[in-house]
Amino acid sequence: QFARMFLDEAKLVVQLNHPAIAQIYDFGQDKGQLYLAMEYCDGTNLRLIVKDHAKRQAKIPVEYCARLVSQAAIALGYAHRAAGIDGKPLSIIHRDVSPQNILLGQTCDVKLIDFGVAKASSATQQTAAGMIKGKFAYMSPEQLRGKPLDHRSDIYGLGLVLYELLAAERAIPG
């Protein structure tokens, strides 16, 4: 089941071509080992940036937070509206929007990563009803309850990321 989910992620993300989504170049299985070759992103994730600023008791400028989150929002919007190579909507929901999955490159470019728990209408391995995937601290109430999701769940998670960038602490502790 894990192997199928891994290959579903790769098949899904390889169809996405956006400057703010880490590009997948190749994927597969070799001698029983699954692999995924993706774009190298020279930088760090937003979680480490928040921790660094909190440790120094420094605030991340509001304009900078807005720029980072708006770039991630544009990438999510693209993923939400993306169509497959057959022209049919993929209906992608990331389901794990969190500071750890938003990278900031050395040139200040944002890259959204880890569609490992993404849900798409094209996935061969659909999540079982009531099964929860993602990081609890960034999940929408619907996702926590195992209810059907749409793109608004990702927007909710991104709102929690923005809060964390501005406040230097999680909106939902734990």
C-alpha atoms as a PDB file:
ATOM      1  CA  GLN A   1       0.000   0.000   0.000  1.00  0.00           C
ATOM      2  CA  PHE A   2       2.862   2.381   0.838  1.00  0.00           C
ATOM      3  CA  ALA A   3       4.523   1.672  -2.511  1.00  0.00           C
ATOM      4  CA  ARG A   4       1.294   2.423  -4.383  1.00  0.00           C
ATOM      5  CA  MET A   5       0.796   5.655  -2.433  1.00  0.00           C
ATOM      6  CA  PHE A   6       4.414   6.658  -3.146  1.00  0.00           C
ATOM      7  CA  LEU A   7       3.993   5.991  -6.868  1.00  0.00           C
ATOM      8  CA  ASP A   8       0.638   7.843  -6.842  1.00  0.00           C
ATOM      9  CA  GLU A   9       2.398  10.910  -5.403  1.00  0.00           C
ATOM     10  CA  ALA A  10       5.070  10.747  -8.065  1.00  0.00           C
ATOM     11  CA  LYS A  11       2.557  10.285 -10.911  1.00  0.00           C
ATOM     12  CA  LEU A  12       0.576  13.194  -9.531  1.00  0.00           C
ATOM     13  CA  VAL A  13       3.373  15.691  -8.941  1.00  0.00           C
ATOM     14  CA  VAL A  14       5.238  14.897 -12.165  1.00  0.00           C
ATOM     15  CA  GLN A  15       2.201  16.395 -13.958  1.00  0.00           C
ATOM     16  CA  LEU A  16       2.606  19.707 -12.116  1.00  0.00           C
ATOM     17  CA  ASN A  17       4.824  22.310 -13.724  1.00  0.00           C
ATOM     18  CA  HIS A  18       4.974  25.472 -11.659  1.00  0.00           C
ATOM     19  CA  PRO A  19       7.958  27.549 -10.497  1.00  0.00           C
ATOM     20  CA  ALA A  20       6.816  27.362  -6.847  1.00  0.00           C
ATOM     21  CA  ILE A  21       6.335  23.577  -6.793  1.00  0.00           C
ATOM     22  CA  ALA A  22       9.438  21.368  -6.588  1.00  0.00           C
ATOM     23  CA  GLN A  23       9.684  19.539  -9.908  1.00  0.00           C
ATOM     24  CA  ILE A  24       9.796  15.738  -9.996  1.00  0.00           C
ATOM     25  CA  TYR A  25      12.229  14.494 -12.640  1.00  0.00           C
ATOM     26  CA  ASP A  26      11.973  10.739 -12.287  1.00  0.00           C
ATOM     27  CA  PHE A  27      10.490   8.073 -10.044  1.00  0.00           C
ATOM     28  CA  GLY A  28      10.157   4.354  -9.889  1.00  0.00           C
ATOM     29  CA  GLN A  29      11.446   1.219  -8.287  1.00  0.00           C
ATOM     30  CA  ASP A  30      14.891  -0.334  -8.703  1.00  0.00           C
ATOM     31  CA  LYS A  31      15.808  -3.663  -7.102  1.00  0.00           C
ATOM     32  CA  GLY A  32      12.916  -3.321  -4.669  1.00  0.00           C
ATOM     33  CA  GLN A  33      13.849   0.240  -3.666  1.00  0.00           C
ATOM     34  CA  LEU A  34      11.464   3.089  -4.390  1.00  0.00           C
ATOM     35  CA  TYR A  35      13.063   6.327  -5.541  1.00  0.00           C
ATOM     36  CA  LEU A  36      12.036   9.831  -6.436  1.00  0.00           C
ATOM     37  CA  ALA A  37      14.403  12.284  -8.134  1.00  0.00           C
ATOM     38  CA  MET A  38      13.268  15.836  -7.579  1.00  0.00           C
ATOM     39  CA  GLU A  39      14.537  19.334  -8.103  1.00  0.00           C
ATOM     40  CA  TYR A  40      17.255  20.369  -5.650  1.00  0.00           C
ATOM     41  CA  CYS A  41      16.139  23.316  -3.557  1.00  0.00           C
ATOM     42  CA  ASP A  42      19.111  25.098  -2.014  1.00  0.00           C
ATOM     43  CA  GLY A  43      17.693  26.666   1.121  1.00  0.00           C
ATOM     44  CA  THR A  44      15.644  25.819   4.173  1.00  0.00           C
ATOM     45  CA  ASN A  45      12.050  25.269   5.229  1.00  0.00           C
ATOM     46  CA  LEU A  46       9.850  27.886   6.866  1.00  0.00           C
ATOM     47  CA  ARG A  47       9.725  25.953  10.156  1.00  0.00           C
ATOM     48  CA  LEU A  48      13.488  26.383  10.614  1.00  0.00           C
ATOM     49  CA  ILE A  49      13.219  30.070   9.732  1.00  0.00           C
ATOM     50  CA  VAL A  50      10.513  30.565  12.384  1.00  0.00           C
ATOM     51  CA  LYS A  51      12.585  28.676  14.979  1.00  0.00           C
ATOM     52  CA  ASP A  52      15.665  30.757  14.153  1.00  0.00           C
ATOM     53  CA  HIS A  53      13.783  34.031  14.510  1.00  0.00           C
ATOM     54  CA  ALA A  54      12.112  32.893  17.753  1.00  0.00           C
ATOM     55  CA  LYS A  55      15.477  31.893  19.214  1.00  0.00           C
ATOM     56  CA  ARG A  56      16.855  35.363  18.433  1.00  0.00           C
ATOM     57  CA  GLN A  57      13.588  36.960  19.656  1.00  0.00           C
ATOM     58  CA  ALA A  58      13.267  38.599  16.255  1.00  0.00           C
ATOM     59  CA  LYS A  59      10.105  39.097  14.232  1.00  0.00           C
ATOM     60  CA  ILE A  60       9.878  38.238  10.564  1.00  0.00           C
ATOM     61  CA  PRO A  61       8.744  41.404   8.746  1.00  0.00           C
ATOM     62  CA  VAL A  62       5.036  41.361   7.859  1.00  0.00           C
ATOM     63  CA  GLU A  63       5.757  42.174   4.199  1.00  0.00           C
ATOM     64  CA  TYR A  64       8.124  39.216   3.992  1.00  0.00           C
ATOM     65  CA  CYS A  65       5.565  36.865   5.577  1.00  0.00           C
ATOM     66  CA  ALA A  66       2.903  38.068   3.144  1.00  0.00           C
ATOM     67  CA  ARG A  67       5.234  37.513   0.177  1.00  0.00           C
ATOM     68  CA  LEU A  68       6.155  33.980   1.232  1.00  0.00           C
ATOM     69  CA  VAL A  69       2.573  32.935   1.901  1.00  0.00           C
ATOM     70  CA  SER A  70       1.267  34.559  -1.279  1.00  0.00           C
ATOM     71  CA  GLN A  71       3.812  32.594  -3.353  1.00  0.00           C
ATOM     72  CA  ALA A  72       2.753  29.374  -1.618  1.00  0.00           C
ATOM     73  CA  ALA A  73      -0.914  30.304  -2.202  1.00  0.00           C
ATOM     74  CA  ILE A  74      -0.271  30.792  -5.913  1.00  0.00           C
ATOM     75  CA  ALA A  75       1.382  27.352  -6.079  1.00  0.00           C
ATOM     76  CA  LEU A  76      -1.546  25.753  -4.231  1.00  0.00           C
ATOM     77  CA  GLY A  77      -4.022  27.517  -6.505  1.00  0.00           C
ATOM     78  CA  TYR A  78      -2.208  26.086  -9.502  1.00  0.00           C
ATOM     79  CA  ALA A  79      -2.262  22.582  -7.987  1.00  0.00           C
ATOM     80  CA  HIS A  80      -5.969  22.911  -7.121  1.00  0.00           C
ATOM     81  CA  ARG A  81      -6.845  23.851 -10.717  1.00  0.00           C
ATOM     82  CA  ALA A  82      -4.335  21.579 -12.494  1.00  0.00           C
ATOM     83  CA  ALA A  83      -5.408  19.192 -15.208  1.00  0.00           C
ATOM     84  CA  GLY A  84      -3.689  15.933 -16.081  1.00  0.00           C
ATOM     85  CA  ILE A  85      -2.104  15.123 -19.404  1.00  0.00           C
ATOM     86  CA  ASP A  86      -5.510  13.813 -20.472  1.00  0.00           C
ATOM     87  CA  GLY A  87      -7.022  17.251 -19.830  1.00  0.00           C
ATOM     88  CA  LYS A  88      -9.175  16.072 -16.924  1.00  0.00           C
ATOM     89  CA  PRO A  89      -8.976  17.998 -13.629  1.00  0.00           C
ATOM     90  CA  LEU A  90      -6.660  16.337 -11.118  1.00  0.00           C
ATOM     91  CA  SER A  91      -8.605  17.830  -8.179  1.00  0.00           C
ATOM     92  CA  ILE A  92      -5.472  17.915  -6.038  1.00  0.00           C
ATOM     93  CA  ILE A  93      -5.687  18.694  -2.338  1.00  0.00           C
ATOM     94  CA  HIS A  94      -2.226  18.819  -0.713  1.00  0.00           C
ATOM     95  CA  ARG A  95      -3.504  17.931   2.805  1.00  0.00           C
ATOM     96  CA  ASP A  96      -0.137  18.647   4.464  1.00  0.00           C
ATOM     97  CA  VAL A  97       0.406  22.394   4.085  1.00  0.00           C
ATOM     98  CA  SER A  98       2.828  23.239   6.879  1.00  0.00           C
ATOM     99  CA  PRO A  99       6.019  25.302   7.348  1.00  0.00           C
ATOM    100  CA  GLN A 100       8.081  22.116   6.917  1.00  0.00           C
ATOM    101  CA  ASN A 101       6.666  21.646   3.407  1.00  0.00           C
ATOM    102  CA  ILE A 102       7.362  25.167   2.197  1.00  0.00           C
ATOM    103  CA  LEU A 103      10.983  25.709   1.253  1.00  0.00           C
ATOM    104  CA  LEU A 104      12.708  29.033   0.827  1.00  0.00           C
ATOM    105  CA  GLY A 105      15.640  28.990  -1.565  1.00  0.00           C
ATOM    106  CA  GLN A 106      18.842  31.058  -1.353  1.00  0.00           C
ATOM    107  CA  THR A 107      17.373  33.383  -3.991  1.00  0.00           C
ATOM    108  CA  CYS A 108      14.178  33.770  -1.894  1.00  0.00           C
ATOM    109  CA  ASP A 109      12.113  31.575  -4.178  1.00  0.00           C
ATOM    110  CA  VAL A 110       9.354  29.535  -2.531  1.00  0.00           C
ATOM    111  CA  LYS A 111       8.969  25.828  -3.327  1.00  0.00           C
ATOM    112  CA  LEU A 112       6.035  23.753  -2.166  1.00  0.00           C
ATOM    113  CA  ILE A 113       7.028  20.135  -1.516  1.00  0.00           C
ATOM    114  CA  ASP A 114       5.738  16.823  -0.210  1.00  0.00           C
ATOM    115  CA  PHE A 115       2.547  15.921  -1.960  1.00  0.00           C
ATOM    116  CA  GLY A 116       2.904  12.528  -0.255  1.00  0.00           C
ATOM    117  CA  VAL A 117      -0.496  12.786   1.387  1.00  0.00           C
ATOM    118  CA  ALA A 118      -2.131  14.728  -1.423  1.00  0.00           C
ATOM    119  CA  LYS A 119      -5.488  13.535  -2.579  1.00  0.00           C
ATOM    120  CA  ALA A 120      -6.485  13.636  -6.205  1.00  0.00           C
ATOM    121  CA  SER A 121      -9.387  12.355  -8.171  1.00  0.00           C
ATOM    122  CA  SER A 122      -6.906  10.405 -10.321  1.00  0.00           C
ATOM    123  CA  ALA A 123      -5.157   8.553  -7.478  1.00  0.00           C
ATOM    124  CA  THR A 124      -5.367   4.786  -7.623  1.00  0.00           C
ATOM    125  CA  GLN A 125      -5.036   4.503  -3.829  1.00  0.00           C
ATOM    126  CA  GLN A 126      -7.765   6.649  -2.307  1.00  0.00           C
ATOM    127  CA  THR A 127      -7.555   7.281   1.422  1.00  0.00           C
ATOM    128  CA  ALA A 128     -10.007   5.104   3.316  1.00  0.00           C
ATOM    129  CA  ALA A 129     -12.984   6.952   4.770  1.00  0.00           C
ATOM    130  CA  GLY A 130     -12.074   8.463   8.134  1.00  0.00           C
ATOM    131  CA  MET A 131      -8.326   7.980   7.620  1.00  0.00           C
ATOM    132  CA  ILE A 132      -6.390  11.091   8.648  1.00  0.00           C
ATOM    133  CA  LYS A 133      -3.153  12.108   6.930  1.00  0.00           C
ATOM    134  CA  GLY A 134      -1.005  15.183   7.534  1.00  0.00           C
ATOM    135  CA  LYS A 135       0.260  17.151  10.550  1.00  0.00           C
ATOM    136  CA  PHE A 136      -2.431  17.656  13.188  1.00  0.00           C
ATOM    137  CA  ALA A 137      -1.353  21.229  14.048  1.00  0.00           C
ATOM    138  CA  TYR A 138      -2.141  22.407  10.491  1.00  0.00           C
ATOM    139  CA  MET A 139      -5.294  20.431   9.702  1.00  0.00           C
ATOM    140  CA  SER A 140      -8.689  21.936   9.057  1.00  0.00           C
ATOM    141  CA  PRO A 141     -11.507  20.787  11.357  1.00  0.00           C
ATOM    142  CA  GLU A 142     -12.967  18.757   8.456  1.00  0.00           C
ATOM    143  CA  GLN A 143      -9.666  16.968   7.923  1.00  0.00           C
ATOM    144  CA  LEU A 144      -9.336  16.188  11.633  1.00  0.00           C
ATOM    145  CA  ARG A 145     -12.813  14.659  11.576  1.00  0.00           C
ATOM    146  CA  GLY A 146     -12.023  12.559   8.501  1.00  0.00           C
ATOM    147  CA  LYS A 147     -14.693  14.384   6.484  1.00  0.00           C
ATOM    148  CA  PRO A 148     -14.562  15.010   2.725  1.00  0.00           C
ATOM    149  CA  LEU A 149     -12.135  17.800   1.813  1.00  0.00           C
ATOM    150  CA  ASP A 150     -11.743  20.386  -0.875  1.00  0.00           C
ATOM    151  CA  HIS A 151      -9.175  23.098  -1.599  1.00  0.00           C
ATOM    152  CA  ARG A 152     -10.333  25.158   1.393  1.00  0.00           C
ATOM    153  CA  SER A 153      -8.589  22.720   3.728  1.00  0.00           C
ATOM    154  CA  ASP A 154      -5.234  23.691   2.178  1.00  0.00           C
ATOM    155  CA  ILE A 155      -6.109  27.381   2.501  1.00  0.00           C
ATOM    156  CA  TYR A 156      -6.878  26.835   6.188  1.00  0.00           C
ATOM    157  CA  GLY A 157      -3.464  25.183   6.665  1.00  0.00           C
ATOM    158  CA  LEU A 158      -1.757  28.041   4.850  1.00  0.00           C
ATOM    159  CA  GLY A 159      -3.524  30.495   7.161  1.00  0.00           C
ATOM    160  CA  LEU A 160      -2.020  28.649  10.119  1.00  0.00           C
ATOM    161  CA  VAL A 161       1.405  28.896   8.448  1.00  0.00           C
ATOM    162  CA  LEU A 162       0.939  32.665   8.077  1.00  0.00           C
ATOM    163  CA  TYR A 163      -0.014  32.938  11.750  1.00  0.00           C
ATOM    164  CA  GLU A 164       3.123  31.027  12.729  1.00  0.00           C
ATOM    165  CA  LEU A 165       5.351  33.239  10.590  1.00  0.00           C
ATOM    166  CA  LEU A 166       3.880  36.395  12.116  1.00  0.00           C
ATOM    167  CA  ALA A 167       3.630  35.236  15.747  1.00  0.00           C
ATOM    168  CA  ALA A 168       6.733  33.002  15.830  1.00  0.00           C
ATOM    169  CA  GLU A 169       4.636  30.283  17.450  1.00  0.00           C
ATOM    170  CA  ARG A 170       2.080  27.730  16.324  1.00  0.00           C
ATOM    171  CA  ALA A 171      -1.545  28.795  16.304  1.00  0.00           C
ATOM    172  CA  ILE A 172      -2.438  25.373  17.672  1.00  0.00           C
ATOM    173  CA  PRO A 173       0.194  24.177  20.176  1.00  0.00           C
ATOM    174  CA  GLY A 174       1.255  20.565  20.419  1.00  0.00           C
END
